[in-house]
Amino acid sequence: MQIALQEGAHRGILEVLAARFQEGGFFIMMLILIVGIIGLFLLVRGIYLVRNRNPRINKTIIIINSLGLFALVLGVFGQLIQLINTLDYLSSFEGTTPRDFADGLKTTMLPTLFGAFIFLFTRLSTILLHWIKPFQVKEDKPVFSKESN
């Protein structure tokens, strides 16, 4: 861990994040990033809908929750694909060491970590939207009434 901190000290934070993004698999990480950007857009839209007391806020909250779960599943999917590729790569060499395996395993966990981060962001977004959403009283209607026939 100390080596990783020393490595990061020579480079800027954006360079380290870009390197981790590339190590995690550019395609999957980019998909997760796009889902995160859409989640951020929907959070801003949700705040706008709450301020205007628009009833579509419930639909926005459901979509934000679904996007967060989708990001998490994408991360796990990316991890499984990279784990298979890493194991195939390591099995093709004779003298692989536990260090090689640990390095490969580390890179396979990056998409799951990023997907979990987006998942947490979207969950916190829905908590925020529920918190600032005005209380809505639903009218109690009987299930069976003359009007429903």
Protein backbone atom coordinates (compact mmCIF):
# COMPACT_ATOMS: atom_id res chain seq x y z
CA MET A 1 0.00 0.00 0.00
CA GLN A 2 2.86 2.32 0.75
CA ILE A 3 4.22 1.77 -2.75
CA ALA A 4 0.86 2.77 -4.21
CA LEU A 5 0.83 5.93 -2.10
CA GLN A 6 4.36 6.80 -3.23
CA GLU A 7 3.36 6.18 -6.83
CA GLY A 8 0.38 8.49 -6.43
CA ALA A 9 2.52 11.20 -4.85
CA HIS A 10 4.45 11.72 -8.08
CA ARG A 11 1.32 12.01 -10.20
CA GLY A 12 -1.76 14.16 -9.88
CA ILE A 13 -5.05 12.78 -8.63
CA LEU A 14 -6.62 12.95 -12.09
CA GLU A 15 -3.73 10.97 -13.58
CA VAL A 16 -4.14 8.27 -10.91
CA LEU A 17 -7.91 8.13 -11.47
CA ALA A 18 -7.43 7.93 -15.25
CA ALA A 19 -4.94 5.08 -14.81
CA ARG A 20 -7.35 3.17 -12.55
CA PHE A 21 -10.16 3.86 -15.01
CA GLN A 22 -8.06 2.32 -17.80
CA GLU A 23 -7.03 -0.66 -15.62
CA GLY A 24 -10.66 -1.40 -14.78
CA GLY A 25 -11.58 -1.90 -18.41
CA PHE A 26 -12.38 1.17 -20.44
CA PHE A 27 -15.68 -0.03 -21.94
CA ILE A 28 -17.34 -1.18 -18.70
CA MET A 29 -15.97 1.76 -16.71
CA MET A 30 -17.26 4.17 -19.36
CA LEU A 31 -20.72 2.58 -19.23
CA ILE A 32 -20.76 2.92 -15.44
CA LEU A 33 -19.62 6.54 -15.75
CA ILE A 34 -22.43 7.28 -18.22
CA VAL A 35 -24.95 5.74 -15.81
CA GLY A 36 -23.50 7.94 -13.04
CA ILE A 37 -23.81 11.07 -15.17
CA ILE A 38 -27.43 10.19 -15.98
CA GLY A 39 -28.02 9.66 -12.24
CA LEU A 40 -26.57 13.10 -11.51
CA PHE A 41 -28.80 14.64 -14.19
CA LEU A 42 -31.85 12.91 -12.71
CA LEU A 43 -30.94 14.16 -9.22
CA VAL A 44 -30.91 17.74 -10.49
CA ARG A 45 -34.18 17.09 -12.35
CA GLY A 46 -35.66 15.56 -9.20
CA ILE A 47 -34.76 18.62 -7.14
CA TYR A 48 -36.41 20.77 -9.81
CA LEU A 49 -39.55 18.59 -9.73
CA VAL A 50 -39.72 18.74 -5.93
CA ARG A 51 -39.46 22.53 -5.94
CA ASN A 52 -42.33 22.73 -8.44
CA ARG A 53 -44.37 20.06 -6.59
CA ASN A 54 -44.58 17.98 -9.73
CA PRO A 55 -46.09 14.51 -9.19
CA ARG A 56 -43.54 12.97 -11.58
CA ILE A 57 -40.97 13.01 -8.76
CA ASN A 58 -41.93 9.45 -7.78
CA LYS A 59 -41.13 8.19 -11.27
CA THR A 60 -37.78 10.02 -11.18
CA ILE A 61 -36.91 8.41 -7.84
CA ILE A 62 -37.73 4.96 -9.21
CA ILE A 63 -35.53 5.57 -12.27
CA ILE A 64 -32.64 6.79 -10.09
CA ASN A 65 -32.89 3.63 -7.96
CA SER A 66 -32.96 1.45 -11.07
CA LEU A 67 -29.92 3.21 -12.53
CA GLY A 68 -27.95 2.68 -9.33
CA LEU A 69 -28.71 -1.01 -9.32
CA PHE A 70 -27.82 -1.19 -13.02
CA ALA A 71 -24.43 0.43 -12.30
CA LEU A 72 -23.74 -2.11 -9.56
CA VAL A 73 -24.66 -5.03 -11.81
CA LEU A 74 -22.50 -3.60 -14.61
CA GLY A 75 -19.59 -3.44 -12.17
CA VAL A 76 -20.01 -7.07 -11.12
CA PHE A 77 -20.37 -8.10 -14.76
CA GLY A 78 -17.17 -6.24 -15.63
CA GLN A 79 -15.38 -7.89 -12.72
CA LEU A 80 -16.39 -11.37 -13.87
CA ILE A 81 -15.26 -10.70 -17.43
CA GLN A 82 -11.92 -9.33 -16.25
CA LEU A 83 -11.45 -12.18 -13.78
CA ILE A 84 -11.87 -14.71 -16.57
CA ASN A 85 -9.41 -12.80 -18.77
CA THR A 86 -6.91 -12.48 -15.92
CA LEU A 87 -7.07 -16.18 -15.07
CA ASP A 88 -6.66 -17.11 -18.74
CA TYR A 89 -3.67 -14.78 -18.99
CA LEU A 90 -2.02 -16.12 -15.82
CA SER A 91 -2.60 -19.74 -16.76
CA SER A 92 -0.70 -19.25 -20.01
CA PHE A 93 2.58 -18.65 -18.12
CA GLU A 94 4.65 -21.19 -16.22
CA GLY A 95 6.19 -19.08 -13.47
CA THR A 96 3.32 -17.00 -12.17
CA THR A 97 3.72 -15.75 -8.63
CA PRO A 98 1.13 -14.85 -6.02
CA ARG A 99 2.06 -11.22 -6.65
CA ASP A 100 0.98 -11.57 -10.29
CA PHE A 101 -2.30 -13.09 -9.16
CA ALA A 102 -2.87 -10.33 -6.59
CA ASP A 103 -2.18 -7.64 -9.17
CA GLY A 104 -4.62 -9.22 -11.60
CA LEU A 105 -7.23 -9.64 -8.90
CA LYS A 106 -6.86 -5.98 -7.91
CA THR A 107 -7.62 -4.79 -11.42
CA THR A 108 -10.69 -7.02 -11.63
CA MET A 109 -12.23 -5.34 -8.58
CA LEU A 110 -12.10 -1.80 -9.98
CA PRO A 111 -15.38 -1.98 -11.98
CA THR A 112 -17.25 -3.35 -8.97
CA LEU A 113 -15.83 -0.61 -6.77
CA PHE A 114 -16.83 2.07 -9.26
CA GLY A 115 -20.29 0.54 -9.72
CA ALA A 116 -20.74 0.40 -5.94
CA PHE A 117 -19.74 4.06 -5.70
CA ILE A 118 -22.39 5.01 -8.28
CA PHE A 119 -24.91 2.78 -6.46
CA LEU A 120 -24.23 4.60 -3.18
CA PHE A 121 -24.50 7.97 -4.92
CA THR A 122 -27.89 7.10 -6.39
CA ARG A 123 -29.16 5.74 -3.07
CA LEU A 124 -28.08 8.90 -1.28
CA SER A 125 -29.78 10.88 -4.05
CA THR A 126 -33.08 9.09 -3.48
CA ILE A 127 -32.78 9.59 0.28
CA LEU A 128 -32.25 13.30 -0.35
CA LEU A 129 -35.21 13.50 -2.74
CA HIS A 130 -37.48 11.67 -0.29
CA TRP A 131 -36.31 13.97 2.48
CA ILE A 132 -37.06 17.20 0.63
CA LYS A 133 -40.21 15.89 -1.06
CA PRO A 134 -43.36 17.42 0.39
CA PHE A 135 -45.63 15.07 2.28
CA GLN A 136 -48.43 13.84 0.04
CA VAL A 137 -51.62 12.55 1.58
CA LYS A 138 -53.35 9.87 -0.44
CA GLU A 139 -57.11 9.77 -0.42
CA ASP A 140 -58.51 6.57 0.99
CA LYS A 141 -60.94 5.12 -1.49
CA PRO A 142 -62.71 1.85 -0.91
CA VAL A 143 -61.57 -0.91 -3.19
CA PHE A 144 -65.10 -1.83 -4.16
CA SER A 145 -67.38 1.09 -4.74
CA LYS A 146 -70.24 1.94 -7.05
CA GLU A 147 -68.00 4.28 -9.03
CA SER A 148 -65.57 1.52 -9.96
CA ASN A 149 -68.24 -0.63 -11.64
